[in-house]
Amino acid sequence: MSSQNKKILVVDDQYGIRVLLKEVFSKDDFCVYQAENGQVALDLIQKIRPDLILLDMKMPGMDGIEFLRRLQDIPPMPKVIMMTAYGELDMVQEATKLGALAHLTKPFDIVELRSEVLKQLAS
């Protein structure tokens, strides 16, 4: 499957991060969707069935952990890479148990993030 057929969903309450990641991955011909919170993302997942989700762990309303718990009820579960701030090790461990495949610490290196996304989508 070429990158043109792959769908990435960026779930982050920060508009600037969503726009940046859409720009980065659109250049690779991925179809990039954005959600500003967990509820919007869950609604969108039903429609678009993303291959990969880039998930911010700290968001108002529904945090990344609650989002991952709810994602369990939507098979097949897409691949998830979480984006966290420093000092959230307990959240990272919990997210890994709930199916997150990788995590990057904010502010993340865009080259590192792109590399991780390409690796996950290739596997």
C-alpha atoms as a PDB file:
ATOM      1  CA  MET A   1       0.000   0.000   0.000  1.00  0.00           C
ATOM      2  CA  SER A   2       1.477   3.342  -1.021  1.00  0.00           C
ATOM      3  CA  SER A   3       1.560   6.309   1.303  1.00  0.00           C
ATOM      4  CA  GLN A   4      -1.226   7.900  -0.770  1.00  0.00           C
ATOM      5  CA  ASN A   5      -3.666   5.345   0.623  1.00  0.00           C
ATOM      6  CA  LYS A   6      -2.522   5.721   4.236  1.00  0.00           C
ATOM      7  CA  LYS A   7      -4.556   7.864   6.608  1.00  0.00           C
ATOM      8  CA  ILE A   8      -3.083   9.646   9.616  1.00  0.00           C
ATOM      9  CA  LEU A   9      -5.205  11.269  12.310  1.00  0.00           C
ATOM     10  CA  VAL A  10      -3.549  13.993  14.407  1.00  0.00           C
ATOM     11  CA  VAL A  11      -5.280  14.407  17.783  1.00  0.00           C
ATOM     12  CA  ASP A  12      -3.961  17.461  19.614  1.00  0.00           C
ATOM     13  CA  ASP A  13      -5.615  20.446  21.276  1.00  0.00           C
ATOM     14  CA  GLN A  14      -2.852  22.735  19.973  1.00  0.00           C
ATOM     15  CA  TYR A  15      -3.816  24.117  16.574  1.00  0.00           C
ATOM     16  CA  GLY A  16      -0.189  24.875  15.622  1.00  0.00           C
ATOM     17  CA  ILE A  17       0.895  21.263  16.129  1.00  0.00           C
ATOM     18  CA  ARG A  18      -2.014  19.943  14.061  1.00  0.00           C
ATOM     19  CA  VAL A  19      -1.197  22.297  11.194  1.00  0.00           C
ATOM     20  CA  LEU A  20       2.531  21.503  11.340  1.00  0.00           C
ATOM     21  CA  LEU A  21       1.975  17.731  11.289  1.00  0.00           C
ATOM     22  CA  LYS A  22      -0.592  18.002   8.489  1.00  0.00           C
ATOM     23  CA  GLU A  23       1.943  19.948   6.437  1.00  0.00           C
ATOM     24  CA  VAL A  24       4.775  17.479   7.134  1.00  0.00           C
ATOM     25  CA  PHE A  25       2.812  14.320   6.331  1.00  0.00           C
ATOM     26  CA  SER A  26       0.877  15.778   3.393  1.00  0.00           C
ATOM     27  CA  LYS A  27       4.264  16.240   1.678  1.00  0.00           C
ATOM     28  CA  ASP A  28       4.667  12.451   1.944  1.00  0.00           C
ATOM     29  CA  ASP A  29       1.285  12.020   0.243  1.00  0.00           C
ATOM     30  CA  PHE A  30      -0.461  10.776   3.366  1.00  0.00           C
ATOM     31  CA  CYS A  31      -4.086  11.722   3.844  1.00  0.00           C
ATOM     32  CA  VAL A  32      -3.982  13.729   7.090  1.00  0.00           C
ATOM     33  CA  TYR A  33      -6.997  14.423   9.291  1.00  0.00           C
ATOM     34  CA  GLN A  34      -7.119  16.582  12.412  1.00  0.00           C
ATOM     35  CA  ALA A  35      -9.080  16.488  15.654  1.00  0.00           C
ATOM     36  CA  GLU A  36      -8.806  19.060  18.437  1.00  0.00           C
ATOM     37  CA  ASN A  37      -9.988  16.670  21.148  1.00  0.00           C
ATOM     38  CA  GLY A  38     -10.702  13.033  21.910  1.00  0.00           C
ATOM     39  CA  GLN A  39     -14.439  13.122  21.237  1.00  0.00           C
ATOM     40  CA  VAL A  40     -14.014  14.682  17.792  1.00  0.00           C
ATOM     41  CA  ALA A  41     -11.328  12.063  17.069  1.00  0.00           C
ATOM     42  CA  LEU A  42     -13.561   9.149  18.107  1.00  0.00           C
ATOM     43  CA  ASP A  43     -16.347  10.419  15.856  1.00  0.00           C
ATOM     44  CA  LEU A  44     -13.912  10.858  12.965  1.00  0.00           C
ATOM     45  CA  ILE A  45     -12.377   7.391  13.395  1.00  0.00           C
ATOM     46  CA  GLN A  46     -15.747   5.792  12.663  1.00  0.00           C
ATOM     47  CA  LYS A  47     -15.818   7.578   9.296  1.00  0.00           C
ATOM     48  CA  ILE A  48     -12.208   7.546   8.093  1.00  0.00           C
ATOM     49  CA  ARG A  49     -10.656   4.441   9.699  1.00  0.00           C
ATOM     50  CA  PRO A  50      -7.118   5.878  10.060  1.00  0.00           C
ATOM     51  CA  ASP A  51      -4.063   3.646   9.751  1.00  0.00           C
ATOM     52  CA  LEU A  52      -2.203   5.623  12.399  1.00  0.00           C
ATOM     53  CA  ILE A  53      -3.063   8.124  15.120  1.00  0.00           C
ATOM     54  CA  LEU A  54      -0.670  10.734  16.495  1.00  0.00           C
ATOM     55  CA  LEU A  55      -2.106  11.304  19.955  1.00  0.00           C
ATOM     56  CA  ASP A  56      -1.410  14.099  22.411  1.00  0.00           C
ATOM     57  CA  MET A  57      -1.660  12.681  25.924  1.00  0.00           C
ATOM     58  CA  LYS A  58      -2.674  15.905  27.711  1.00  0.00           C
ATOM     59  CA  MET A  59      -5.858  17.419  26.348  1.00  0.00           C
ATOM     60  CA  PRO A  60      -8.811  19.082  28.051  1.00  0.00           C
ATOM     61  CA  GLY A  61     -11.910  16.949  28.457  1.00  0.00           C
ATOM     62  CA  MET A  62     -10.593  13.527  27.501  1.00  0.00           C
ATOM     63  CA  ASP A  63      -6.907  12.796  27.988  1.00  0.00           C
ATOM     64  CA  GLY A  64      -4.911  10.321  25.903  1.00  0.00           C
ATOM     65  CA  ILE A  65      -5.411   7.448  28.361  1.00  0.00           C
ATOM     66  CA  GLU A  66      -9.206   7.758  28.296  1.00  0.00           C
ATOM     67  CA  PHE A  67      -9.059   8.075  24.510  1.00  0.00           C
ATOM     68  CA  LEU A  68      -7.029   4.839  24.253  1.00  0.00           C
ATOM     69  CA  ARG A  69      -9.517   3.058  26.537  1.00  0.00           C
ATOM     70  CA  ARG A  70     -12.399   4.091  24.274  1.00  0.00           C
ATOM     71  CA  LEU A  71     -10.404   3.201  21.163  1.00  0.00           C
ATOM     72  CA  GLN A  72     -10.347  -0.431  22.356  1.00  0.00           C
ATOM     73  CA  ASP A  73     -14.064  -0.607  21.476  1.00  0.00           C
ATOM     74  CA  ILE A  74     -13.474   0.317  17.825  1.00  0.00           C
ATOM     75  CA  PRO A  75     -11.890  -2.655  16.043  1.00  0.00           C
ATOM     76  CA  PRO A  76      -9.575  -2.904  14.283  1.00  0.00           C
ATOM     77  CA  MET A  77      -7.501  -0.627  16.500  1.00  0.00           C
ATOM     78  CA  PRO A  78      -5.296   1.730  14.488  1.00  0.00           C
ATOM     79  CA  LYS A  79      -1.619   2.104  15.320  1.00  0.00           C
ATOM     80  CA  VAL A  80      -1.021   4.862  17.878  1.00  0.00           C
ATOM     81  CA  ILE A  81       2.042   7.009  18.501  1.00  0.00           C
ATOM     82  CA  MET A  82       1.677   9.240  21.519  1.00  0.00           C
ATOM     83  CA  MET A  83       3.160  12.659  22.055  1.00  0.00           C
ATOM     84  CA  THR A  84       3.899  13.549  25.668  1.00  0.00           C
ATOM     85  CA  ALA A  85       5.527  16.259  27.734  1.00  0.00           C
ATOM     86  CA  TYR A  86       8.373  15.535  30.131  1.00  0.00           C
ATOM     87  CA  GLY A  87       7.555  13.846  33.421  1.00  0.00           C
ATOM     88  CA  GLU A  88       4.656  11.722  32.223  1.00  0.00           C
ATOM     89  CA  LEU A  89       6.306   8.315  32.605  1.00  0.00           C
ATOM     90  CA  ASP A  90       3.324   6.763  34.408  1.00  0.00           C
ATOM     91  CA  MET A  91       1.052   7.930  31.594  1.00  0.00           C
ATOM     92  CA  VAL A  92       3.456   6.477  28.998  1.00  0.00           C
ATOM     93  CA  GLN A  93       3.441   3.090  30.749  1.00  0.00           C
ATOM     94  CA  GLU A  94      -0.360   3.049  30.958  1.00  0.00           C
ATOM     95  CA  ALA A  95      -0.684   4.095  27.305  1.00  0.00           C
ATOM     96  CA  THR A  96       1.693   1.324  26.238  1.00  0.00           C
ATOM     97  CA  LYS A  97      -0.463  -1.220  28.089  1.00  0.00           C
ATOM     98  CA  LEU A  98      -3.473   0.152  26.186  1.00  0.00           C
ATOM     99  CA  GLY A  99      -1.800  -0.353  22.820  1.00  0.00           C
ATOM    100  CA  ALA A 100       0.302   2.721  22.035  1.00  0.00           C
ATOM    101  CA  LEU A 101       3.313   1.565  20.007  1.00  0.00           C
ATOM    102  CA  ALA A 102       5.700   4.448  20.570  1.00  0.00           C
ATOM    103  CA  HIS A 103       5.989   7.795  22.276  1.00  0.00           C
ATOM    104  CA  LEU A 104       7.823  10.987  21.517  1.00  0.00           C
ATOM    105  CA  THR A 105       8.474  13.755  23.986  1.00  0.00           C
ATOM    106  CA  LYS A 106       7.390  17.300  23.177  1.00  0.00           C
ATOM    107  CA  PRO A 107       8.921  19.360  21.825  1.00  0.00           C
ATOM    108  CA  PHE A 108       9.663  16.521  19.415  1.00  0.00           C
ATOM    109  CA  ASP A 109      12.173  16.370  16.593  1.00  0.00           C
ATOM    110  CA  ILE A 110      10.088  16.417  13.412  1.00  0.00           C
ATOM    111  CA  VAL A 111      12.590  14.158  11.592  1.00  0.00           C
ATOM    112  CA  GLU A 112      12.402  11.615  14.419  1.00  0.00           C
ATOM    113  CA  LEU A 113       8.597  11.744  14.417  1.00  0.00           C
ATOM    114  CA  ARG A 114       8.427  11.316  10.634  1.00  0.00           C
ATOM    115  CA  SER A 115      10.832   8.383  10.826  1.00  0.00           C
ATOM    116  CA  GLU A 116       8.733   6.680  13.539  1.00  0.00           C
ATOM    117  CA  VAL A 117       5.517   7.199  11.546  1.00  0.00           C
ATOM    118  CA  LEU A 118       7.066   5.740   8.383  1.00  0.00           C
ATOM    119  CA  LYS A 119       8.418   2.775  10.362  1.00  0.00           C
ATOM    120  CA  GLN A 120       5.060   2.032  11.986  1.00  0.00           C
ATOM    121  CA  LEU A 121       3.131   2.313   8.727  1.00  0.00           C
ATOM    122  CA  ALA A 122       5.606   0.057   6.936  1.00  0.00           C
ATOM    123  CA  SER A 123       5.256  -2.748   9.503  1.00  0.00           C
END
